Structure formats: structure tokens, C-alpha cells
Amino acid sequence: METNIKPFVVKVPTNYIPSVNQMFSGRTKHLSEVASTYKSNIYDLLQGLNLTDNEFRKIYGWIYEAWYLKLEIHFLLNSNFYKRDTDNMIKFSQDILFEWLGINDTYVTSIIGRKFYIPSSECEYVIFILNLDDSDINIYEEKLNKK
């Protein structure tokens, strides 16, 4: 696989970033209104990249060939900063991104999640940065096999 790759980076504006706890409404497994709006915002922006499938695969084809992916997600929040857990926002956002990409998120081997409080912002943002995970997994095997 080519080692000189272009990371996939996208910044999505939205009114509110829900956590996984806010995904569903009621007893049914239907997306809540806030979760549905958030998912639509991400899909609309990704569709708005104006890349054909061939163009996307030419630039980011490495995503579909990778066995180890590193995902960074940055949440820029303008309210309820201490009421939303970073890890709960990661799960829902990651699922949406990988559903749109059409690949299984089990290839994510490294996740970095950050949240920032920006009360002056008119909206909230989620920034996705997807790259190859270049962690050296062999160090664990070597350490485990040492006696």
C-alpha cells in the first residue's frame, strides 16, 4: 500500500452534537430528533464534498485497503460542555462516518477524542481526521514473548 497518503479531514458544522445517550427516543430504537439532525448534517456535508466515487477512491482509496486506521475526532462545543462525555460522542459520530464510508469501523485501532468549549461560536463542530495507524504492534508481541 502507498505510504504517502492524504489524511481524510472534514469539519462539520451542526447545531448540537449528541452523545450516544441521546441517540434514541422512547422505547423504540428510532433515532431521536437531535441525533437524526446531527446524522443528516454529517451526511450532507460529506455528500457536499462534490467528489464522485471514483475521485474519492483515487484520493482516499487507502481507507478501503487499510487494516489499521487511526481516527481523531475533535468536538467544538458551545453549550453543555460538562454534560456530554467525550467517549459517548465518539461512538455515535464514528458510526455515522463509517456508515457513510461504507466500511466497518472495526478497522479503527486507535482513537483520539478531544472536546473543546467555545461558547462564542454560533454553532458546534465535529472534525474528523482519518489516517493510517502507524503504531508498531510488534512491540507488544516482542514484550509478551520475552521471558
N, C-alpha and C. Protein backbone atom coordinates (compact mmCIF):
# COMPACT_ATOMS: atom_id res chain seq x y z
N MET A 1 0.84 -1.18 0.00
CA MET A 1 0.00 0.00 0.00
C MET A 1 0.88 1.24 0.00
N GLU A 2 0.44 2.26 -0.69
CA GLU A 2 1.19 3.52 -0.77
C GLU A 2 1.36 4.12 0.62
N THR A 3 2.60 4.57 0.92
CA THR A 3 2.85 5.12 2.25
C THR A 3 2.64 6.63 2.30
N ASN A 4 2.65 7.29 1.16
CA ASN A 4 2.42 8.73 1.12
C ASN A 4 0.95 8.99 0.84
N ILE A 5 0.17 9.02 1.90
CA ILE A 5 -1.27 9.14 1.74
C ILE A 5 -1.75 10.50 2.22
N LYS A 6 -2.91 10.88 1.74
CA LYS A 6 -3.53 12.12 2.18
C LYS A 6 -4.57 11.77 3.25
N PRO A 7 -4.40 12.29 4.48
CA PRO A 7 -5.41 12.00 5.51
C PRO A 7 -6.77 12.56 5.10
N PHE A 8 -7.81 11.87 5.52
CA PHE A 8 -9.17 12.34 5.28
C PHE A 8 -9.53 13.27 6.42
N VAL A 9 -9.78 14.53 6.13
CA VAL A 9 -10.11 15.54 7.14
C VAL A 9 -11.37 16.27 6.71
N VAL A 10 -12.34 16.34 7.62
CA VAL A 10 -13.57 17.06 7.31
C VAL A 10 -14.09 17.73 8.58
N LYS A 11 -14.57 18.95 8.44
CA LYS A 11 -15.13 19.74 9.54
C LYS A 11 -16.62 19.93 9.28
N VAL A 12 -17.44 19.49 10.23
CA VAL A 12 -18.89 19.51 10.06
C VAL A 12 -19.52 20.48 11.07
N PRO A 13 -20.19 21.53 10.56
CA PRO A 13 -20.94 22.39 11.47
C PRO A 13 -22.29 21.76 11.78
N THR A 14 -22.76 21.95 13.00
CA THR A 14 -24.05 21.41 13.41
C THR A 14 -24.58 22.23 14.57
N ASN A 15 -25.87 22.15 14.81
CA ASN A 15 -26.45 22.89 15.93
C ASN A 15 -26.07 22.28 17.27
N TYR A 16 -25.99 20.94 17.31
CA TYR A 16 -25.74 20.27 18.58
C TYR A 16 -25.17 18.89 18.30
N ILE A 17 -24.14 18.50 19.03
CA ILE A 17 -23.54 17.18 18.88
C ILE A 17 -24.07 16.28 19.99
N PRO A 18 -24.90 15.30 19.64
CA PRO A 18 -25.46 14.43 20.68
C PRO A 18 -24.47 13.34 21.09
N SER A 19 -24.67 12.84 22.28
CA SER A 19 -23.88 11.69 22.72
C SER A 19 -24.68 10.43 22.41
N VAL A 20 -24.06 9.29 22.60
CA VAL A 20 -24.74 8.03 22.34
C VAL A 20 -25.97 7.89 23.25
N ASN A 21 -25.95 8.54 24.41
CA ASN A 21 -27.10 8.50 25.32
C ASN A 21 -28.30 9.24 24.75
N GLN A 22 -28.09 10.10 23.78
CA GLN A 22 -29.17 10.89 23.20
C GLN A 22 -29.58 10.38 21.81
N MET A 23 -29.11 9.21 21.44
CA MET A 23 -29.37 8.68 20.11
C MET A 23 -30.83 8.32 19.89
N PHE A 24 -31.43 7.69 20.86
CA PHE A 24 -32.75 7.10 20.64
C PHE A 24 -33.81 7.82 21.46
N SER A 25 -35.02 7.78 20.93
CA SER A 25 -36.15 8.38 21.66
C SER A 25 -37.12 7.29 22.06
N GLY A 26 -37.61 7.38 23.27
CA GLY A 26 -38.60 6.42 23.74
C GLY A 26 -38.04 5.01 23.84
N ARG A 27 -38.94 4.06 23.86
CA ARG A 27 -38.55 2.65 24.00
C ARG A 27 -38.16 2.02 22.66
N THR A 28 -38.55 2.68 21.59
CA THR A 28 -38.22 2.14 20.27
C THR A 28 -36.80 2.54 19.91
N LYS A 29 -36.25 1.88 18.95
CA LYS A 29 -34.88 2.16 18.52
C LYS A 29 -34.85 3.12 17.34
N HIS A 30 -35.70 4.14 17.38
CA HIS A 30 -35.70 5.18 16.36
C HIS A 30 -34.78 6.30 16.81
N LEU A 31 -34.03 6.85 15.88
CA LEU A 31 -33.14 7.95 16.23
C LEU A 31 -33.95 9.12 16.76
N SER A 32 -33.43 9.73 17.80
CA SER A 32 -34.08 10.93 18.33
C SER A 32 -33.96 12.05 17.30
N GLU A 33 -34.73 13.09 17.47
CA GLU A 33 -34.69 14.20 16.52
C GLU A 33 -33.31 14.85 16.46
N VAL A 34 -32.70 15.07 17.62
CA VAL A 34 -31.38 15.70 17.64
C VAL A 34 -30.33 14.79 17.00
N ALA A 35 -30.44 13.48 17.22
CA ALA A 35 -29.50 12.53 16.62
C ALA A 35 -29.71 12.44 15.11
N SER A 36 -30.95 12.44 14.68
CA SER A 36 -31.27 12.38 13.25
C SER A 36 -30.75 13.64 12.52
N THR A 37 -30.94 14.79 13.14
CA THR A 37 -30.45 16.05 12.55
C THR A 37 -28.94 16.04 12.44
N TYR A 38 -28.28 15.58 13.49
CA TYR A 38 -26.81 15.51 13.51
C TYR A 38 -26.31 14.58 12.40
N LYS A 39 -26.92 13.41 12.29
CA LYS A 39 -26.53 12.46 11.25
C LYS A 39 -26.74 13.07 9.86
N SER A 40 -27.85 13.75 9.66
CA SER A 40 -28.12 14.41 8.37
C SER A 40 -27.08 15.47 8.06
N ASN A 41 -26.69 16.25 9.08
CA ASN A 41 -25.66 17.28 8.88
C ASN A 41 -24.36 16.67 8.39
N ILE A 42 -23.96 15.56 9.01
CA ILE A 42 -22.71 14.90 8.61
C ILE A 42 -22.84 14.36 7.19
N TYR A 43 -23.94 13.65 6.91
CA TYR A 43 -24.15 13.09 5.57
C TYR A 43 -24.17 14.20 4.50
N ASP A 44 -24.90 15.28 4.78
CA ASP A 44 -25.00 16.37 3.81
C ASP A 44 -23.64 16.98 3.52
N LEU A 45 -22.85 17.19 4.55
CA LEU A 45 -21.52 17.78 4.33
C LEU A 45 -20.63 16.82 3.55
N LEU A 46 -20.67 15.54 3.91
CA LEU A 46 -19.84 14.56 3.20
C LEU A 46 -20.27 14.45 1.74
N GLN A 47 -21.58 14.44 1.50
CA GLN A 47 -22.07 14.43 0.12
C GLN A 47 -21.66 15.71 -0.60
N GLY A 48 -21.58 16.81 0.14
CA GLY A 48 -21.23 18.10 -0.43
C GLY A 48 -19.76 18.26 -0.77
N LEU A 49 -18.97 17.23 -0.52
CA LEU A 49 -17.56 17.28 -0.91
C LEU A 49 -17.41 17.34 -2.42
N ASN A 50 -18.51 17.03 -3.11
CA ASN A 50 -18.56 17.08 -4.58
C ASN A 50 -17.48 16.24 -5.25
N LEU A 51 -17.24 15.08 -4.67
CA LEU A 51 -16.32 14.13 -5.27
C LEU A 51 -17.12 12.93 -5.76
N THR A 52 -16.88 12.52 -6.99
CA THR A 52 -17.51 11.29 -7.46
C THR A 52 -16.88 10.14 -6.69
N ASP A 53 -17.51 8.98 -6.74
CA ASP A 53 -16.96 7.81 -6.07
C ASP A 53 -15.55 7.51 -6.57
N ASN A 54 -15.34 7.66 -7.88
CA ASN A 54 -14.01 7.40 -8.46
C ASN A 54 -12.98 8.41 -7.96
N GLU A 55 -13.37 9.69 -7.88
CA GLU A 55 -12.44 10.72 -7.38
C GLU A 55 -12.11 10.47 -5.91
N PHE A 56 -13.14 10.14 -5.12
CA PHE A 56 -12.92 9.87 -3.70
C PHE A 56 -11.96 8.70 -3.53
N ARG A 57 -12.19 7.63 -4.28
CA ARG A 57 -11.32 6.46 -4.16
C ARG A 57 -9.91 6.73 -4.69
N LYS A 58 -9.78 7.64 -5.65
CA LYS A 58 -8.44 7.98 -6.14
C LYS A 58 -7.65 8.70 -5.05
N ILE A 59 -8.31 9.59 -4.32
CA ILE A 59 -7.64 10.35 -3.26
C ILE A 59 -7.53 9.54 -1.96
N TYR A 60 -8.63 8.88 -1.60
CA TYR A 60 -8.71 8.23 -0.29
C TYR A 60 -8.89 6.71 -0.39
N GLY A 61 -8.50 6.13 -1.48
CA GLY A 61 -8.65 4.68 -1.66
C GLY A 61 -7.93 3.87 -0.59
N TRP A 62 -6.91 4.46 -0.01
CA TRP A 62 -6.15 3.77 1.04
C TRP A 62 -7.05 3.38 2.21
N ILE A 63 -8.13 4.14 2.43
CA ILE A 63 -9.05 3.84 3.54
C ILE A 63 -9.63 2.44 3.37
N TYR A 64 -9.92 2.05 2.13
CA TYR A 64 -10.58 0.78 1.86
C TYR A 64 -9.59 -0.39 1.82
N GLU A 65 -8.30 -0.08 1.84
CA GLU A 65 -7.27 -1.11 1.82
C GLU A 65 -6.59 -1.29 3.16
N ALA A 66 -6.81 -0.37 4.08
CA ALA A 66 -6.09 -0.36 5.35
C ALA A 66 -6.63 -1.40 6.33
N TRP A 67 -5.73 -1.97 7.08
CA TRP A 67 -6.10 -2.89 8.14
C TRP A 67 -6.12 -2.20 9.50
N TYR A 68 -5.41 -1.08 9.60
CA TYR A 68 -5.29 -0.34 10.86
C TYR A 68 -5.53 1.14 10.59
N LEU A 69 -6.59 1.68 11.17
CA LEU A 69 -6.92 3.09 10.98
C LEU A 69 -6.84 3.86 12.30
N LYS A 70 -6.37 5.08 12.22
CA LYS A 70 -6.35 5.97 13.37
C LYS A 70 -7.39 7.05 13.13
N LEU A 71 -8.29 7.23 14.08
CA LEU A 71 -9.35 8.21 13.97
C LEU A 71 -9.19 9.25 15.07
N GLU A 72 -9.14 10.50 14.66
CA GLU A 72 -9.19 11.61 15.60
C GLU A 72 -10.53 12.30 15.40
N ILE A 73 -11.19 12.58 16.51
CA ILE A 73 -12.44 13.33 16.45
C ILE A 73 -12.33 14.48 17.45
N HIS A 74 -12.53 15.68 16.94
CA HIS A 74 -12.49 16.87 17.78
C HIS A 74 -13.90 17.44 17.83
N PHE A 75 -14.38 17.68 19.03
CA PHE A 75 -15.71 18.25 19.24
C PHE A 75 -15.55 19.68 19.75
N LEU A 76 -16.10 20.62 19.02
CA LEU A 76 -16.07 22.02 19.43
C LEU A 76 -17.48 22.38 19.89
N LEU A 77 -17.65 22.51 21.18
CA LEU A 77 -18.97 22.67 21.78
C LEU A 77 -19.20 24.10 22.25
N ASN A 78 -20.43 24.57 22.07
CA ASN A 78 -20.75 25.92 22.53
C ASN A 78 -21.72 25.92 23.72
N SER A 79 -22.12 24.72 24.18
CA SER A 79 -23.00 24.62 25.35
C SER A 79 -22.88 23.22 25.95
N ASN A 80 -23.42 23.07 27.14
CA ASN A 80 -23.48 21.77 27.82
C ASN A 80 -22.15 21.01 27.80
N PHE A 81 -21.07 21.72 27.99
CA PHE A 81 -19.73 21.12 27.90
C PHE A 81 -19.55 19.99 28.91
N TYR A 82 -19.99 20.18 30.12
CA TYR A 82 -19.77 19.17 31.16
C TYR A 82 -20.91 18.17 31.25
N LYS A 83 -21.86 18.24 30.35
CA LYS A 83 -22.98 17.29 30.36
C LYS A 83 -22.84 16.22 29.28
N ARG A 84 -21.82 16.35 28.43
CA ARG A 84 -21.63 15.36 27.36
C ARG A 84 -20.25 14.74 27.49
N ASP A 85 -20.25 13.41 27.59
CA ASP A 85 -18.99 12.68 27.69
C ASP A 85 -18.35 12.55 26.32
N THR A 86 -17.06 12.76 26.28
CA THR A 86 -16.33 12.66 25.02
C THR A 86 -16.49 11.27 24.40
N ASP A 87 -16.34 10.22 25.20
CA ASP A 87 -16.42 8.86 24.65
C ASP A 87 -17.81 8.54 24.11
N ASN A 88 -18.86 9.10 24.71
CA ASN A 88 -20.21 8.85 24.19
C ASN A 88 -20.45 9.60 22.88
N MET A 89 -19.83 10.75 22.70
CA MET A 89 -19.95 11.46 21.42
C MET A 89 -19.15 10.75 20.33
N ILE A 90 -18.02 10.17 20.72
CA ILE A 90 -17.16 9.47 19.75
C ILE A 90 -17.92 8.33 19.09
N LYS A 91 -18.54 7.48 19.88
CA LYS A 91 -19.19 6.28 19.34
C LYS A 91 -20.22 6.60 18.27
N PHE A 92 -21.11 7.53 18.58
CA PHE A 92 -22.16 7.87 17.62
C PHE A 92 -21.56 8.50 16.36
N SER A 93 -20.63 9.42 16.53
CA SER A 93 -20.01 10.11 15.40
C SER A 93 -19.22 9.14 14.53
N GLN A 94 -18.48 8.24 15.17
CA GLN A 94 -17.70 7.24 14.43
C GLN A 94 -18.62 6.35 13.62
N ASP A 95 -19.72 5.91 14.21
CA ASP A 95 -20.67 5.05 13.48
C ASP A 95 -21.22 5.75 12.24
N ILE A 96 -21.54 7.03 12.36
CA ILE A 96 -22.08 7.77 11.21
C ILE A 96 -21.03 7.87 10.11
N LEU A 97 -19.81 8.25 10.47
CA LEU A 97 -18.74 8.40 9.47
C LEU A 97 -18.49 7.10 8.73
N PHE A 98 -18.38 6.00 9.46
CA PHE A 98 -18.04 4.73 8.81
C PHE A 98 -19.22 4.15 8.05
N GLU A 99 -20.43 4.46 8.47
CA GLU A 99 -21.60 4.08 7.67
C GLU A 99 -21.55 4.79 6.33
N TRP A 100 -21.22 6.08 6.35
CA TRP A 100 -21.13 6.84 5.10
C TRP A 100 -20.00 6.32 4.22
N LEU A 101 -18.86 5.98 4.83
CA LEU A 101 -17.74 5.44 4.06
C LEU A 101 -18.05 4.06 3.49
N GLY A 102 -18.98 3.36 4.12
CA GLY A 102 -19.34 2.03 3.66
C GLY A 102 -18.36 0.96 4.09
N ILE A 103 -17.67 1.20 5.20
CA ILE A 103 -16.75 0.18 5.72
C ILE A 103 -17.02 -0.02 7.21
N ASN A 104 -16.56 -1.14 7.70
CA ASN A 104 -16.76 -1.50 9.09
C ASN A 104 -15.77 -0.73 9.96
N ASP A 105 -16.26 -0.17 11.05
CA ASP A 105 -15.37 0.61 11.92
C ASP A 105 -14.48 -0.26 12.80
N THR A 106 -14.53 -1.57 12.62
CA THR A 106 -13.62 -2.44 13.37
C THR A 106 -12.17 -2.26 12.93
N TYR A 107 -11.95 -1.60 11.80
CA TYR A 107 -10.58 -1.34 11.33
C TYR A 107 -9.93 -0.19 12.10
N VAL A 108 -10.71 0.50 12.92
CA VAL A 108 -10.14 1.57 13.75
C VAL A 108 -9.42 0.92 14.92
N THR A 109 -8.11 1.12 14.97
CA THR A 109 -7.29 0.53 16.04
C THR A 109 -6.79 1.59 17.01
N SER A 110 -6.98 2.85 16.66
CA SER A 110 -6.53 3.94 17.53
C SER A 110 -7.53 5.09 17.42
N ILE A 111 -7.95 5.60 18.58
CA ILE A 111 -8.90 6.71 18.60
C ILE A 111 -8.38 7.80 19.52
N ILE A 112 -8.43 9.01 19.03
CA ILE A 112 -8.14 10.18 19.84
C ILE A 112 -9.38 11.05 19.81
N GLY A 113 -9.93 11.33 20.97
CA GLY A 113 -11.11 12.17 21.07
C GLY A 113 -10.81 13.38 21.94
N ARG A 114 -11.21 14.52 21.46
CA ARG A 114 -11.00 15.76 22.22
C ARG A 114 -12.25 16.59 22.14
N LYS A 115 -12.55 17.28 23.26
CA LYS A 115 -13.64 18.25 23.21
C LYS A 115 -13.12 19.58 23.73
N PHE A 116 -13.63 20.62 23.11
CA PHE A 116 -13.22 21.98 23.43
C PHE A 116 -14.47 22.81 23.65
N TYR A 117 -14.39 23.75 24.56
CA TYR A 117 -15.51 24.63 24.86
C TYR A 117 -15.27 25.97 24.19
N ILE A 118 -16.16 26.31 23.26
CA ILE A 118 -16.07 27.57 22.53
C ILE A 118 -17.43 28.25 22.61
N PRO A 119 -17.73 28.89 23.75
CA PRO A 119 -19.06 29.45 23.96
C PRO A 119 -19.44 30.56 23.00
N SER A 120 -18.47 31.21 22.39
CA SER A 120 -18.76 32.31 21.46
C SER A 120 -19.17 31.84 20.07
N SER A 121 -19.03 30.56 19.80
CA SER A 121 -19.36 30.04 18.48
C SER A 121 -20.87 29.96 18.29
N GLU A 122 -21.33 30.30 17.09
CA GLU A 122 -22.77 30.24 16.79
C GLU A 122 -23.27 28.81 16.63
N CYS A 123 -22.37 27.91 16.29
CA CYS A 123 -22.76 26.50 16.16
C CYS A 123 -21.65 25.63 16.73
N GLU A 124 -21.89 24.33 16.71
CA GLU A 124 -20.89 23.38 17.16
C GLU A 124 -20.26 22.73 15.93
N TYR A 125 -19.11 22.13 16.11
CA TYR A 125 -18.40 21.49 15.01
C TYR A 125 -17.87 20.14 15.48
N VAL A 126 -17.84 19.21 14.55
CA VAL A 126 -17.10 17.97 14.75
C VAL A 126 -16.09 17.91 13.61
N ILE A 127 -14.86 17.59 13.96
CA ILE A 127 -13.79 17.47 12.97
C ILE A 127 -13.31 16.02 12.99
N PHE A 128 -13.38 15.38 11.83
CA PHE A 128 -12.89 14.01 11.66
C PHE A 128 -11.54 14.05 10.97
N ILE A 129 -10.60 13.30 11.50
CA ILE A 129 -9.29 13.13 10.86
C ILE A 129 -9.02 11.63 10.84
N LEU A 130 -9.01 11.07 9.65
CA LEU A 130 -8.81 9.63 9.48
C LEU A 130 -7.48 9.41 8.77
N ASN A 131 -6.66 8.55 9.35
CA ASN A 131 -5.33 8.31 8.83
C ASN A 131 -4.97 6.85 9.06
N LEU A 132 -3.87 6.42 8.48
CA LEU A 132 -3.36 5.09 8.78
C LEU A 132 -2.84 5.09 10.21
N ASP A 133 -3.08 4.01 10.92
CA ASP A 133 -2.49 3.86 12.25
C ASP A 133 -1.12 3.25 12.06
N ASP A 134 -0.10 4.05 12.32
CA ASP A 134 1.26 3.59 12.10
C ASP A 134 1.91 3.10 13.39
N SER A 135 1.10 2.77 14.39
CA SER A 135 1.62 2.22 15.63
C SER A 135 2.34 0.90 15.35
N ASP A 136 3.42 0.67 16.06
CA ASP A 136 4.18 -0.55 15.89
C ASP A 136 3.60 -1.64 16.79
N ILE A 137 2.74 -2.48 16.21
CA ILE A 137 2.10 -3.51 17.02
C ILE A 137 3.07 -4.63 17.39
N ASN A 138 4.20 -4.71 16.72
CA ASN A 138 5.17 -5.76 17.02
C ASN A 138 5.81 -5.61 18.39
N ILE A 139 5.83 -4.40 18.95
CA ILE A 139 6.45 -4.22 20.26
C ILE A 139 5.73 -5.03 21.33
N TYR A 140 4.45 -5.21 21.19
CA TYR A 140 3.72 -5.98 22.18
C TYR A 140 4.03 -7.47 22.06
N GLU A 141 4.12 -7.93 20.84
CA GLU A 141 4.44 -9.33 20.64
C GLU A 141 5.82 -9.64 21.19
N GLU A 142 6.78 -8.76 20.93
CA GLU A 142 8.14 -8.96 21.44
C GLU A 142 8.15 -8.98 22.96
N LYS A 143 7.43 -8.05 23.58
CA LYS A 143 7.41 -7.97 25.05
C LYS A 143 6.71 -9.18 25.65
N LEU A 144 5.65 -9.64 25.02
CA LEU A 144 4.93 -10.79 25.55
C LEU A 144 5.71 -12.09 25.42
N ASN A 145 6.55 -12.17 24.40
CA ASN A 145 7.33 -13.39 24.17
C ASN A 145 8.63 -13.43 24.97
N LYS A 146 9.02 -12.32 25.58
CA LYS A 146 10.22 -12.29 26.42
C LYS A 146 9.92 -12.97 27.73
N LYS A 147 10.89 -13.74 28.19
CA LYS A 147 10.68 -14.43 29.48
C LYS A 147 11.75 -14.06 30.43
